[in-house]
Amino acid sequence: MKKLSTLNTQSEYLSKYRFFPFSEYLKEKFPFKVHKIALHAGFTCPNRDGRVGVGGCTYCANESFSPNVKEPYLSITEQIQKGKSFQRQRYGAEKFIAYFQSFTNTYADVGTLKAYYEEAMADQDVIGLSIGTRPDCINGEILDIINSYTKKYHVWIEYGLQSIHEETLKRINRGHEYKAFVDAVNLTKKTCINMCIHVILGLPLETYDDMMKTAEAVAEMDIQGIKLHHLYVAKNTALAEEYFKGNVKTLDVHEYVRLVADFLERIPPNVTVQRLVGDTHGNFLISPIWRISKANITAMITQELEKRGTYQGTLCGISALTNNSQKSNLNESRFHTIEF
């Protein structure tokens, strides 16, 4: 097992957290405190409007995790101003990443996308852009637009993967195959855009080995960020119907903590962890009800890794750590210098 003291730039973070938090990544990148502002641009999803399906993914109730969806519509400018005020007051934030979170944020014509993105970036305190989308809603033209912003802004694209397994993707009515995800990742690698991948642990009928195979596949993708979520059942979803029929089980918090630790051990230590647990807003949650804060769950994950004497990347092996360090250096060299 590779000891913490032999790692370079991530050693301090790994010693404290046992993983590479996005908050520490942002401190390393910027001389000021940066936070995300979640935005709802009014987009829909091809898995809802009939292009590839109807009803959306079985677990999806976007309003349950994106509070802007259920609020009266505000312009992007108004949402930015509201978000800045909240983030400054609560966290002392100074600069911001505009995060297009709700639904599929590349699902429109290029002119519409540019108008929304550039409205967000017009604010002088916005220094970055993060775009959440589906891998089947991306193409070279859209990526060219997003990539053009990397000259002045810190830019991410967030792809929902959830699982690499075709049966799981069908079961949750994802509306695309794993190949669509691989194609999107490979196309994005040709740009200067950072990639963050979303994975859900505890999906219906997935085994432990299934989830670890997803982790191992993600570890080989040369991505920059990861978001992990637990499967939860929200009201007004197809998954809720299956849950009440007894066809879906959810994880208890201790099971989830162990799974996350197992997953992180397989992810290279230079991949920043942007989320470790999902959450819901309002009274949407049916199961699991853990009655414990996200901060406490994160602390439990750190404690689990400490108890094992492991950390993010342990099971990548020494050669994987070396290779990813080299990849990280190559990635840094191809990014434009951003001036503030």
Protein backbone atom coordinates (compact mmCIF):
# COMPACT_ATOMS: atom_id res chain seq x y z
CA MET A 1 0.00 0.00 0.00
CA LYS A 2 1.36 3.43 -0.97
CA LYS A 3 1.87 5.62 2.13
CA LEU A 4 0.41 9.10 2.40
CA SER A 5 3.81 10.70 2.89
CA THR A 6 4.93 9.58 -0.58
CA LEU A 7 2.19 11.53 -2.36
CA ASN A 8 2.88 15.05 -3.52
CA THR A 9 0.37 17.87 -3.89
CA GLN A 10 -2.61 15.93 -2.56
CA SER A 11 -0.85 14.57 0.55
CA GLU A 12 -2.10 17.28 2.91
CA TYR A 13 -5.70 16.85 1.79
CA LEU A 14 -5.51 13.07 1.87
CA SER A 15 -4.00 13.14 5.35
CA LYS A 16 -6.88 15.27 6.65
CA TYR A 17 -9.88 14.03 4.68
CA ARG A 18 -8.61 10.81 3.04
CA PHE A 19 -10.04 12.20 -0.24
CA PHE A 20 -9.56 15.32 -2.38
CA PRO A 21 -12.44 17.75 -1.58
CA PHE A 22 -13.62 20.25 -4.15
CA SER A 23 -13.35 23.01 -1.53
CA GLU A 24 -9.61 22.35 -1.26
CA TYR A 25 -9.31 22.21 -5.03
CA LEU A 26 -10.87 25.67 -5.27
CA LYS A 27 -8.53 27.05 -2.58
CA GLU A 28 -5.61 25.74 -4.59
CA LYS A 29 -6.87 27.32 -7.82
CA PHE A 30 -8.02 30.75 -6.67
CA PRO A 31 -6.80 33.54 -4.35
CA PHE A 32 -10.38 34.22 -3.20
CA LYS A 33 -13.26 32.20 -1.78
CA VAL A 34 -15.31 30.62 -4.57
CA HIS A 35 -18.77 29.05 -4.36
CA LYS A 36 -21.26 27.71 -6.89
CA ILE A 37 -24.60 29.34 -7.62
CA ALA A 38 -27.19 26.80 -8.79
CA LEU A 39 -29.27 28.02 -11.74
CA HIS A 40 -32.47 26.91 -13.47
CA ALA A 41 -32.63 28.07 -17.08
CA GLY A 42 -35.96 26.46 -17.92
CA PHE A 43 -34.55 23.59 -19.97
CA THR A 44 -36.29 20.24 -20.16
CA CYS A 45 -34.93 16.77 -20.93
CA PRO A 46 -35.15 14.48 -23.99
CA ASN A 47 -36.22 11.72 -21.64
CA ARG A 48 -39.24 13.78 -20.64
CA ASP A 49 -40.37 15.49 -23.83
CA GLY A 50 -40.56 12.32 -25.93
CA ARG A 51 -37.39 12.64 -28.00
CA VAL A 52 -35.90 9.55 -26.37
CA GLY A 53 -38.56 8.77 -23.78
CA VAL A 54 -41.21 10.05 -21.42
CA GLY A 55 -41.40 10.23 -17.66
CA GLY A 56 -37.67 10.78 -17.16
CA CYS A 57 -35.35 8.53 -15.20
CA THR A 58 -37.30 6.50 -12.65
CA TYR A 59 -35.66 8.31 -9.70
CA CYS A 60 -35.88 11.82 -11.11
CA ALA A 61 -37.85 14.53 -9.37
CA ASN A 62 -35.64 17.47 -10.28
CA GLU A 63 -37.42 19.79 -7.87
CA SER A 64 -36.36 17.52 -5.00
CA PHE A 65 -32.67 18.42 -5.33
CA SER A 66 -32.78 21.70 -7.23
CA PRO A 67 -34.66 24.31 -5.18
CA ASN A 68 -34.80 26.82 -8.04
CA VAL A 69 -37.13 24.53 -10.02
CA LYS A 70 -40.07 24.95 -7.68
CA GLU A 71 -39.66 28.70 -7.21
CA PRO A 72 -41.32 31.36 -9.39
CA TYR A 73 -39.26 31.85 -12.55
CA LEU A 74 -36.44 34.34 -12.24
CA SER A 75 -34.09 35.43 -14.99
CA ILE A 76 -30.52 34.14 -14.92
CA THR A 77 -29.36 37.61 -13.85
CA GLU A 78 -31.85 37.65 -10.97
CA GLN A 79 -30.83 34.16 -9.88
CA ILE A 80 -27.17 35.19 -9.91
CA GLN A 81 -27.88 38.23 -7.75
CA LYS A 82 -29.96 36.22 -5.31
CA GLY A 83 -27.33 33.47 -5.17
CA LYS A 84 -24.50 35.94 -4.60
CA SER A 85 -26.31 37.53 -1.69
CA PHE A 86 -27.00 34.19 -0.04
CA GLN A 87 -23.51 32.74 -0.58
CA ARG A 88 -21.81 35.89 0.67
CA GLN A 89 -23.91 36.07 3.80
CA ARG A 90 -23.73 32.38 4.66
CA TYR A 91 -20.24 31.38 3.48
CA GLY A 92 -18.32 34.59 2.95
CA ALA A 93 -17.98 33.81 -0.75
CA GLU A 94 -16.23 36.39 -2.92
CA LYS A 95 -16.41 34.97 -6.45
CA PHE A 96 -18.76 32.48 -8.06
CA ILE A 97 -19.17 29.61 -10.48
CA ALA A 98 -22.47 29.77 -12.37
CA TYR A 99 -23.84 26.22 -12.14
CA PHE A 100 -26.54 25.31 -14.65
CA GLN A 101 -27.95 22.48 -12.58
CA SER A 102 -31.59 21.73 -13.36
CA PHE A 103 -32.52 19.24 -16.08
CA THR A 104 -30.40 19.07 -19.29
CA ASN A 105 -28.44 22.27 -19.82
CA THR A 106 -27.18 21.62 -23.34
CA TYR A 107 -30.61 20.67 -24.66
CA ALA A 108 -31.34 23.64 -26.93
CA ASP A 109 -30.02 25.32 -30.04
CA VAL A 110 -26.58 26.91 -29.82
CA GLY A 111 -27.95 30.46 -29.90
CA THR A 112 -30.19 29.81 -26.89
CA LEU A 113 -27.38 28.12 -24.97
CA LYS A 114 -24.98 31.00 -25.63
CA ALA A 115 -27.54 33.55 -24.49
CA TYR A 116 -28.07 31.81 -21.14
CA TYR A 117 -24.40 31.03 -20.48
CA GLU A 118 -23.25 34.53 -21.37
CA GLU A 119 -25.96 36.18 -19.30
CA ALA A 120 -24.58 34.30 -16.28
CA MET A 121 -20.99 35.18 -17.08
CA ALA A 122 -21.78 38.85 -17.62
CA ASP A 123 -21.71 39.33 -13.86
CA GLN A 124 -18.27 40.62 -12.84
CA ASP A 125 -18.13 38.26 -9.85
CA VAL A 126 -18.71 35.12 -11.91
CA ILE A 127 -15.34 33.53 -12.68
CA GLY A 128 -16.51 30.08 -13.71
CA LEU A 129 -19.15 28.05 -15.47
CA SER A 130 -20.40 24.55 -14.71
CA ILE A 131 -22.96 22.84 -16.95
CA GLY A 132 -24.90 19.76 -15.94
CA THR A 133 -26.13 17.63 -18.83
CA ARG A 134 -26.73 14.21 -20.32
CA PRO A 135 -24.04 12.60 -22.48
CA ASP A 136 -26.52 12.11 -25.34
CA CYS A 137 -27.15 15.87 -25.48
CA ILE A 138 -23.68 16.96 -26.49
CA ASN A 139 -21.94 17.42 -29.82
CA GLY A 140 -18.89 19.10 -31.30
CA GLU A 141 -20.65 22.40 -31.97
CA ILE A 142 -21.91 22.72 -28.40
CA LEU A 143 -18.54 21.74 -26.98
CA ASP A 144 -16.83 24.34 -29.19
CA ILE A 145 -19.02 27.04 -27.66
CA ILE A 146 -18.36 25.88 -24.10
CA ASN A 147 -14.65 25.44 -24.80
CA SER A 148 -14.41 29.03 -26.08
CA TYR A 149 -15.15 30.23 -22.52
CA THR A 150 -12.10 28.46 -21.07
CA LYS A 151 -9.88 31.35 -22.20
CA LYS A 152 -11.39 33.61 -19.53
CA TYR A 153 -13.32 31.33 -17.18
CA HIS A 154 -12.92 28.17 -15.13
CA VAL A 155 -15.20 25.75 -16.98
CA TRP A 156 -16.71 22.37 -16.10
CA ILE A 157 -19.17 20.06 -17.76
CA GLU A 158 -20.97 17.55 -15.53
CA TYR A 159 -22.14 14.32 -17.16
CA GLY A 160 -24.69 12.04 -15.56
CA LEU A 161 -23.35 8.50 -15.85
CA GLN A 162 -25.00 6.81 -12.82
CA SER A 163 -23.82 3.33 -13.90
CA ILE A 164 -21.81 1.68 -16.68
CA HIS A 165 -24.19 -1.30 -16.82
CA GLU A 166 -26.69 -1.48 -19.68
CA GLU A 167 -29.29 -3.44 -17.69
CA THR A 168 -29.23 -0.80 -14.96
CA LEU A 169 -29.57 2.03 -17.48
CA LYS A 170 -32.63 0.30 -18.95
CA ARG A 171 -34.06 -0.40 -15.50
CA ILE A 172 -33.91 3.25 -14.49
CA ASN A 173 -35.21 4.41 -17.89
CA ARG A 174 -32.05 6.40 -18.52
CA GLY A 175 -32.79 6.72 -22.23
CA HIS A 176 -29.26 6.16 -23.55
CA GLU A 177 -26.63 3.45 -23.62
CA TYR A 178 -23.23 3.49 -21.93
CA LYS A 179 -21.62 4.08 -25.35
CA ALA A 180 -23.21 7.54 -25.48
CA PHE A 181 -21.38 8.41 -22.28
CA VAL A 182 -18.04 7.08 -23.52
CA ASP A 183 -18.43 9.00 -26.78
CA ALA A 184 -19.20 12.24 -24.90
CA VAL A 185 -16.16 11.81 -22.64
CA ASN A 186 -13.86 11.13 -25.58
CA LEU A 187 -15.19 14.17 -27.45
CA THR A 188 -14.75 16.39 -24.39
CA LYS A 189 -11.15 15.22 -23.92
CA LYS A 190 -10.30 17.09 -27.11
CA THR A 191 -11.18 20.37 -25.37
CA CYS A 192 -9.93 22.34 -22.34
CA ILE A 193 -13.17 21.69 -20.43
CA ASN A 194 -12.95 19.97 -17.04
CA MET A 195 -15.21 16.93 -16.65
CA CYS A 196 -17.14 15.89 -13.55
CA ILE A 197 -18.99 12.56 -13.56
CA HIS A 198 -22.13 11.74 -11.53
CA VAL A 199 -22.58 8.20 -10.16
CA ILE A 200 -25.44 6.83 -8.06
CA LEU A 201 -24.72 4.05 -5.57
CA GLY A 202 -27.47 1.61 -4.60
CA LEU A 203 -29.37 1.57 -7.89
CA PRO A 204 -32.08 -1.14 -8.16
CA LEU A 205 -30.65 -4.68 -8.33
CA GLU A 206 -27.06 -3.51 -8.68
CA THR A 207 -24.60 -5.70 -6.80
CA TYR A 208 -21.49 -4.61 -4.96
CA ASP A 209 -19.38 -5.89 -7.88
CA ASP A 210 -21.48 -3.87 -10.34
CA MET A 211 -20.80 -0.66 -8.41
CA MET A 212 -17.08 -1.35 -8.09
CA LYS A 213 -16.85 -2.06 -11.83
CA THR A 214 -18.34 1.39 -12.41
CA ALA A 215 -15.68 2.84 -10.11
CA GLU A 216 -12.90 1.05 -11.97
CA ALA A 217 -14.23 2.23 -15.34
CA VAL A 218 -14.45 5.84 -14.11
CA ALA A 219 -10.88 5.60 -12.79
CA GLU A 220 -9.61 4.96 -16.32
CA MET A 221 -11.39 7.92 -17.92
CA ASP A 222 -8.93 10.74 -17.16
CA ILE A 223 -11.64 12.93 -15.62
CA GLN A 224 -11.15 15.84 -13.23
CA GLY A 225 -14.10 15.48 -10.85
CA ILE A 226 -16.58 13.00 -9.38
CA LYS A 227 -19.95 13.36 -7.67
CA LEU A 228 -21.35 10.43 -5.72
CA HIS A 229 -25.00 10.17 -4.71
CA HIS A 230 -26.96 7.56 -2.82
CA LEU A 231 -30.16 6.31 -4.37
CA TYR A 232 -33.09 7.94 -2.65
CA VAL A 233 -36.79 7.63 -3.35
CA ALA A 234 -38.60 10.94 -3.90
CA LYS A 235 -42.31 11.57 -4.12
CA ASN A 236 -43.98 11.70 -7.53
CA THR A 237 -41.48 9.40 -9.23
CA ALA A 238 -41.72 6.01 -10.93
CA LEU A 239 -39.20 4.78 -8.38
CA ALA A 240 -41.62 5.64 -5.58
CA GLU A 241 -44.24 3.37 -7.14
CA GLU A 242 -41.72 0.53 -7.28
CA TYR A 243 -40.65 1.21 -3.72
CA PHE A 244 -44.19 0.93 -2.37
CA LYS A 245 -44.59 -2.36 -4.26
CA GLY A 246 -41.54 -3.66 -2.39
CA ASN A 247 -39.37 -3.85 -5.52
CA VAL A 248 -36.75 -1.31 -4.42
CA LYS A 249 -34.56 -1.26 -1.36
CA THR A 250 -32.50 1.70 -0.17
CA LEU A 251 -29.23 1.71 1.74
CA ASP A 252 -28.78 2.47 5.40
CA VAL A 253 -26.20 5.13 6.16
CA HIS A 254 -23.53 2.68 7.34
CA GLU A 255 -23.86 0.61 4.16
CA TYR A 256 -23.52 3.76 2.11
CA VAL A 257 -20.46 4.98 4.01
CA ARG A 258 -18.69 1.68 3.37
CA LEU A 259 -19.64 1.73 -0.31
CA VAL A 260 -18.32 5.27 -0.77
CA ALA A 261 -15.04 4.32 0.91
CA ASP A 262 -14.73 1.31 -1.40
CA PHE A 263 -15.50 3.51 -4.42
CA LEU A 264 -13.00 6.22 -3.48
CA GLU A 265 -10.23 3.70 -2.96
CA ARG A 266 -10.52 2.97 -6.70
CA ILE A 267 -10.53 6.62 -7.88
CA PRO A 268 -7.19 8.39 -8.63
CA PRO A 269 -6.22 10.92 -5.92
CA ASN A 270 -5.95 13.81 -8.39
CA VAL A 271 -9.71 13.59 -9.15
CA THR A 272 -11.50 16.17 -7.03
CA VAL A 273 -14.57 14.96 -5.12
CA GLN A 274 -17.39 17.44 -5.63
CA ARG A 275 -20.09 15.56 -3.73
CA LEU A 276 -20.26 12.52 -1.49
CA VAL A 277 -23.96 12.30 -0.68
CA GLY A 278 -27.19 13.43 -2.31
CA ASP A 279 -29.91 15.42 -0.58
CA THR A 280 -33.45 16.60 -1.08
CA HIS A 281 -35.23 19.89 -0.46
CA GLY A 282 -38.59 20.21 1.22
CA ASN A 283 -40.78 17.21 1.96
CA PHE A 284 -39.96 15.17 -1.13
CA LEU A 285 -38.01 12.37 0.53
CA ILE A 286 -39.59 8.95 1.09
CA SER A 287 -36.53 6.77 1.71
CA PRO A 288 -33.93 6.47 3.14
CA ILE A 289 -34.45 8.85 6.06
CA TRP A 290 -31.10 8.96 7.83
CA ARG A 291 -31.66 11.94 10.16
CA ILE A 292 -28.01 12.90 9.93
CA SER A 293 -26.38 15.89 8.25
CA LYS A 294 -24.32 15.72 5.07
CA ALA A 295 -21.35 17.04 7.06
CA ASN A 296 -21.65 14.16 9.50
CA ILE A 297 -21.90 11.61 6.71
CA THR A 298 -18.77 13.08 5.12
CA ALA A 299 -17.00 12.81 8.48
CA MET A 300 -18.11 9.18 8.73
CA ILE A 301 -16.58 8.46 5.32
CA THR A 302 -13.28 10.00 6.42
CA GLN A 303 -13.40 7.95 9.64
CA GLU A 304 -14.10 4.76 7.69
CA LEU A 305 -11.05 5.33 5.48
CA GLU A 306 -8.94 6.18 8.53
CA LYS A 307 -10.06 2.98 10.23
CA ARG A 308 -8.98 1.01 7.16
CA GLY A 309 -5.72 2.90 6.79
CA THR A 310 -6.67 3.70 3.18
CA TYR A 311 -7.51 6.79 1.12
CA GLN A 312 -8.73 7.88 -2.28
CA GLY A 313 -6.65 6.02 -4.86
CA THR A 314 -5.31 3.23 -2.66
CA LEU A 315 -6.59 0.50 -4.97
CA CYS A 316 -5.47 2.27 -8.13
CA GLY A 317 -2.00 0.89 -7.42
CA ILE A 318 1.33 2.72 -7.59
CA SER A 319 1.45 2.63 -11.38
CA ALA A 320 -2.03 4.14 -11.65
CA LEU A 321 -1.06 6.95 -9.26
CA THR A 322 2.01 7.71 -11.33
CA ASN A 323 0.14 7.62 -14.62
CA ASN A 324 -2.62 9.91 -13.39
CA SER A 325 -0.08 12.35 -12.00
CA GLN A 326 1.47 12.52 -15.46
CA LYS A 327 -1.97 12.93 -17.04
CA SER A 328 -2.79 15.75 -14.64
CA ASN A 329 0.38 17.60 -15.63
CA LEU A 330 -0.46 17.16 -19.30
CA ASN A 331 -3.99 18.42 -18.73
CA GLU A 332 -2.72 21.50 -16.90
CA SER A 333 -0.36 22.32 -19.76
CA ARG A 334 -3.17 22.40 -22.33
CA PHE A 335 -5.44 24.75 -20.36
CA HIS A 336 -5.44 28.43 -21.19
CA THR A 337 -4.11 30.85 -18.60
CA ILE A 338 -7.04 32.61 -16.91
CA GLU A 339 -6.45 36.18 -15.85
CA PHE A 340 -8.48 38.03 -13.22
